[in-house]
C-alpha atoms as a PDB file:
ATOM      1  CA  UNK A   1       5.408 -11.895 -10.302  1.00  0.00           C
ATOM      2  CA  UNK A   2       6.175  -9.243 -13.115  1.00  0.00           C
ATOM      3  CA  UNK A   3       9.800  -9.783 -12.716  1.00  0.00           C
ATOM      4  CA  UNK A   4       9.991 -13.384 -12.257  1.00  0.00           C
ATOM      5  CA  UNK A   5       7.949 -13.637 -15.353  1.00  0.00           C
ATOM      6  CA  UNK A   6      10.206 -11.590 -17.331  1.00  0.00           C
ATOM      7  CA  UNK A   7      13.251 -13.671 -16.010  1.00  0.00           C
ATOM      8  CA  UNK A   8      11.725 -16.905 -16.596  1.00  0.00           C
ATOM      9  CA  UNK A   9      10.263 -15.940 -20.279  1.00  0.00           C
ATOM     10  CA  UNK A  10      13.947 -14.650 -20.642  1.00  0.00           C
ATOM     11  CA  UNK A  11      15.108 -18.254 -19.676  1.00  0.00           C
ATOM     12  CA  UNK A  12      12.809 -19.903 -21.959  1.00  0.00           C
ATOM     13  CA  UNK A  13      13.763 -18.395 -24.715  1.00  0.00           C
ATOM     14  CA  UNK A  14      17.444 -19.426 -24.384  1.00  0.00           C
ATOM     15  CA  UNK A  15      16.445 -22.763 -23.607  1.00  0.00           C
ATOM     16  CA  UNK A  16      12.802 -23.368 -24.947  1.00  0.00           C
ATOM     17  CA  UNK A  17      13.147 -27.390 -23.503  1.00  0.00           C
ATOM     18  CA  UNK A  18      14.255 -26.203 -20.060  1.00  0.00           C
ATOM     19  CA  UNK A  19      11.296 -27.490 -18.082  1.00  0.00           C
ATOM     20  CA  UNK A  20      11.782 -25.989 -14.939  1.00  0.00           C
ATOM     21  CA  UNK A  21      12.280 -22.285 -16.643  1.00  0.00           C
ATOM     22  CA  UNK A  22       8.536 -23.178 -18.380  1.00  0.00           C
ATOM     23  CA  UNK A  23       7.296 -24.355 -15.147  1.00  0.00           C
ATOM     24  CA  UNK A  24       8.751 -20.861 -13.157  1.00  0.00           C
ATOM     25  CA  UNK A  25       7.110 -18.840 -15.793  1.00  0.00           C
ATOM     26  CA  UNK A  26       3.858 -20.544 -15.698  1.00  0.00           C
ATOM     27  CA  UNK A  27       3.574 -20.254 -11.775  1.00  0.00           C
ATOM     28  CA  UNK A  28       4.526 -16.298 -12.427  1.00  0.00           C
ATOM     29  CA  UNK A  29       1.680 -16.269 -14.923  1.00  0.00           C
ATOM     30  CA  UNK A  30      -0.797 -17.659 -12.673  1.00  0.00           C
ATOM     31  CA  UNK A  31       0.393 -15.377  -9.802  1.00  0.00           C
ATOM     32  CA  UNK A  32      -0.554 -12.134 -12.215  1.00  0.00           C
ATOM     33  CA  UNK A  33      -3.820 -13.993 -12.796  1.00  0.00           C
ATOM     34  CA  UNK A  34      -3.063 -15.256 -16.699  1.00  0.00           C
ATOM     35  CA  UNK A  35      -4.388 -18.744 -16.102  1.00  0.00           C
ATOM     36  CA  UNK A  36      -5.133 -18.941 -19.798  1.00  0.00           C
ATOM     37  CA  UNK A  37      -1.524 -18.394 -20.483  1.00  0.00           C
ATOM     38  CA  UNK A  38      -0.034 -20.374 -17.751  1.00  0.00           C
ATOM     39  CA  UNK A  39      -2.497 -23.215 -19.169  1.00  0.00           C
ATOM     40  CA  UNK A  40      -0.662 -23.186 -22.417  1.00  0.00           C
ATOM     41  CA  UNK A  41       3.008 -22.980 -21.017  1.00  0.00           C
ATOM     42  CA  UNK A  42       2.010 -26.128 -19.090  1.00  0.00           C
ATOM     43  CA  UNK A  43       0.538 -27.883 -22.094  1.00  0.00           C
ATOM     44  CA  UNK A  44       3.666 -27.004 -24.120  1.00  0.00           C
ATOM     45  CA  UNK A  45       5.493 -28.688 -21.079  1.00  0.00           C
ATOM     46  CA  UNK A  46       3.762 -31.613 -20.697  1.00  0.00           C
ATOM     47  CA  UNK A  47       3.637 -32.521 -24.677  1.00  0.00           C
ATOM     48  CA  UNK A  48       7.182 -33.091 -24.399  1.00  0.00           C
ATOM     49  CA  UNK A  49       7.506 -35.064 -21.005  1.00  0.00           C
ATOM     50  CA  UNK A  50       3.856 -36.390 -20.641  1.00  0.00           C
ATOM     51  CA  UNK A  51       4.487 -37.856 -17.206  1.00  0.00           C
ATOM     52  CA  UNK A  52       5.958 -34.764 -15.388  1.00  0.00           C
ATOM     53  CA  UNK A  53       3.824 -34.727 -11.956  1.00  0.00           C
ATOM     54  CA  UNK A  54       4.878 -30.878 -11.109  1.00  0.00           C
ATOM     55  CA  UNK A  55       3.166 -30.009 -14.540  1.00  0.00           C
ATOM     56  CA  UNK A  56       0.521 -32.521 -14.599  1.00  0.00           C
ATOM     57  CA  UNK A  57      -0.565 -30.847 -10.949  1.00  0.00           C
ATOM     58  CA  UNK A  58      -0.458 -27.575 -12.025  1.00  0.00           C
ATOM     59  CA  UNK A  59      -2.606 -28.446 -14.850  1.00  0.00           C
ATOM     60  CA  UNK A  60      -5.206 -30.136 -12.833  1.00  0.00           C
ATOM     61  CA  UNK A  61      -5.757 -27.185 -10.644  1.00  0.00           C
ATOM     62  CA  UNK A  62      -5.809 -24.929 -13.286  1.00  0.00           C
ATOM     63  CA  UNK A  63      -8.565 -27.321 -14.530  1.00  0.00           C
ATOM     64  CA  UNK A  64     -10.438 -27.209 -11.582  1.00  0.00           C
ATOM     65  CA  UNK A  65     -10.110 -23.882 -11.358  1.00  0.00           C
ATOM     66  CA  UNK A  66     -11.873 -23.133 -14.575  1.00  0.00           C
ATOM     67  CA  UNK A  67     -14.518 -25.740 -14.075  1.00  0.00           C
ATOM     68  CA  UNK A  68     -13.623 -28.909 -15.897  1.00  0.00           C
ATOM     69  CA  UNK A  69     -13.635 -31.368 -13.077  1.00  0.00           C
ATOM     70  CA  UNK A  70     -13.532 -34.443 -15.239  1.00  0.00           C
ATOM     71  CA  UNK A  71     -10.305 -33.509 -16.745  1.00  0.00           C
ATOM     72  CA  UNK A  72      -8.886 -32.204 -13.261  1.00  0.00           C
ATOM     73  CA  UNK A  73      -9.581 -35.446 -11.861  1.00  0.00           C
ATOM     74  CA  UNK A  74      -7.869 -37.141 -15.013  1.00  0.00           C
ATOM     75  CA  UNK A  75      -4.859 -35.058 -14.259  1.00  0.00           C
ATOM     76  CA  UNK A  76      -4.882 -35.631 -10.331  1.00  0.00           C
ATOM     77  CA  UNK A  77      -5.024 -39.648 -11.352  1.00  0.00           C
ATOM     78  CA  UNK A  78      -2.176 -39.303 -13.373  1.00  0.00           C
ATOM     79  CA  UNK A  79      -0.132 -37.448 -10.797  1.00  0.00           C
ATOM     80  CA  UNK A  80      -0.792 -40.282  -8.319  1.00  0.00           C
ATOM     81  CA  UNK A  81      -0.130 -43.092 -10.789  1.00  0.00           C
ATOM     82  CA  UNK A  82       3.595 -41.391 -11.721  1.00  0.00           C
ATOM     83  CA  UNK A  83       4.372 -42.041  -7.699  1.00  0.00           C
ATOM     84  CA  UNK A  84       5.692 -38.596  -6.916  1.00  0.00           C
ATOM     85  CA  UNK A  85       2.919 -36.808  -5.196  1.00  0.00           C
ATOM     86  CA  UNK A  86       5.512 -34.934  -3.234  1.00  0.00           C
ATOM     87  CA  UNK A  87       5.307 -31.992  -5.806  1.00  0.00           C
ATOM     88  CA  UNK A  88       1.879 -30.749  -4.160  1.00  0.00           C
ATOM     89  CA  UNK A  89       3.238 -29.943  -1.283  1.00  0.00           C
ATOM     90  CA  UNK A  90       5.357 -26.802  -2.640  1.00  0.00           C
ATOM     91  CA  UNK A  91       2.840 -26.282  -5.390  1.00  0.00           C
ATOM     92  CA  UNK A  92       0.384 -25.281  -2.688  1.00  0.00           C
ATOM     93  CA  UNK A  93       2.775 -22.722  -1.160  1.00  0.00           C
ATOM     94  CA  UNK A  94       2.316 -21.124  -4.841  1.00  0.00           C
ATOM     95  CA  UNK A  95      -1.511 -21.384  -5.095  1.00  0.00           C
ATOM     96  CA  UNK A  96      -3.568 -18.459  -3.988  1.00  0.00           C
ATOM     97  CA  UNK A  97      -5.895 -19.651  -0.645  1.00  0.00           C
ATOM     98  CA  UNK A  98      -8.986 -19.652  -2.540  1.00  0.00           C
ATOM     99  CA  UNK A  99      -7.200 -22.332  -5.099  1.00  0.00           C
ATOM    100  CA  UNK A 100      -5.763 -24.300  -2.148  1.00  0.00           C
ATOM    101  CA  UNK A 101      -9.095 -24.787  -0.944  1.00  0.00           C
ATOM    102  CA  UNK A 102     -10.612 -25.691  -4.314  1.00  0.00           C
ATOM    103  CA  UNK A 103      -8.016 -28.590  -4.542  1.00  0.00           C
ATOM    104  CA  UNK A 104      -8.155 -29.757  -1.120  1.00  0.00           C
ATOM    105  CA  UNK A 105     -11.815 -29.853  -0.672  1.00  0.00           C
ATOM    106  CA  UNK A 106     -12.122 -31.543  -4.433  1.00  0.00           C
ATOM    107  CA  UNK A 107      -9.354 -34.139  -3.115  1.00  0.00           C
ATOM    108  CA  UNK A 108     -11.305 -34.897   0.087  1.00  0.00           C
ATOM    109  CA  UNK A 109     -14.457 -34.907  -1.947  1.00  0.00           C
ATOM    110  CA  UNK A 110     -12.916 -37.306  -4.160  1.00  0.00           C
ATOM    111  CA  UNK A 111     -11.358 -39.341  -1.259  1.00  0.00           C
ATOM    112  CA  UNK A 112     -14.691 -40.006   0.202  1.00  0.00           C
ATOM    113  CA  UNK A 113     -16.081 -41.136  -2.887  1.00  0.00           C
ATOM    114  CA  UNK A 114     -13.538 -43.897  -3.658  1.00  0.00           C
ATOM    115  CA  UNK A 115     -13.859 -44.971   0.002  1.00  0.00           C
ATOM    116  CA  UNK A 116     -17.755 -45.292  -0.226  1.00  0.00           C
ATOM    117  CA  UNK A 117     -16.764 -47.336  -3.385  1.00  0.00           C
END
């Protein structure tokens, strides 16, 4: 992850508007346990393009991990509204096992609440 972070940081310096580099940078930060910094990078990417599902999904996980359930729910709703939930599967490969379980159980709980409602 540190090498990926260095490469991604260099790519962001070369082109600060390159969303793929920002996502790569955020993923590396996440892998290194630097969630707050990853959140800042993703928030910046989201400010430039507020409907990007890969960015929204990553931010949702970080919000859930921080205990901000409402914010995480809102971000997941935005992912669903974009119609591009296909970004969730590759992101699960990046998440640590405990975070995958957190996201999966949260989504399951919300789905059950919706069905009961």
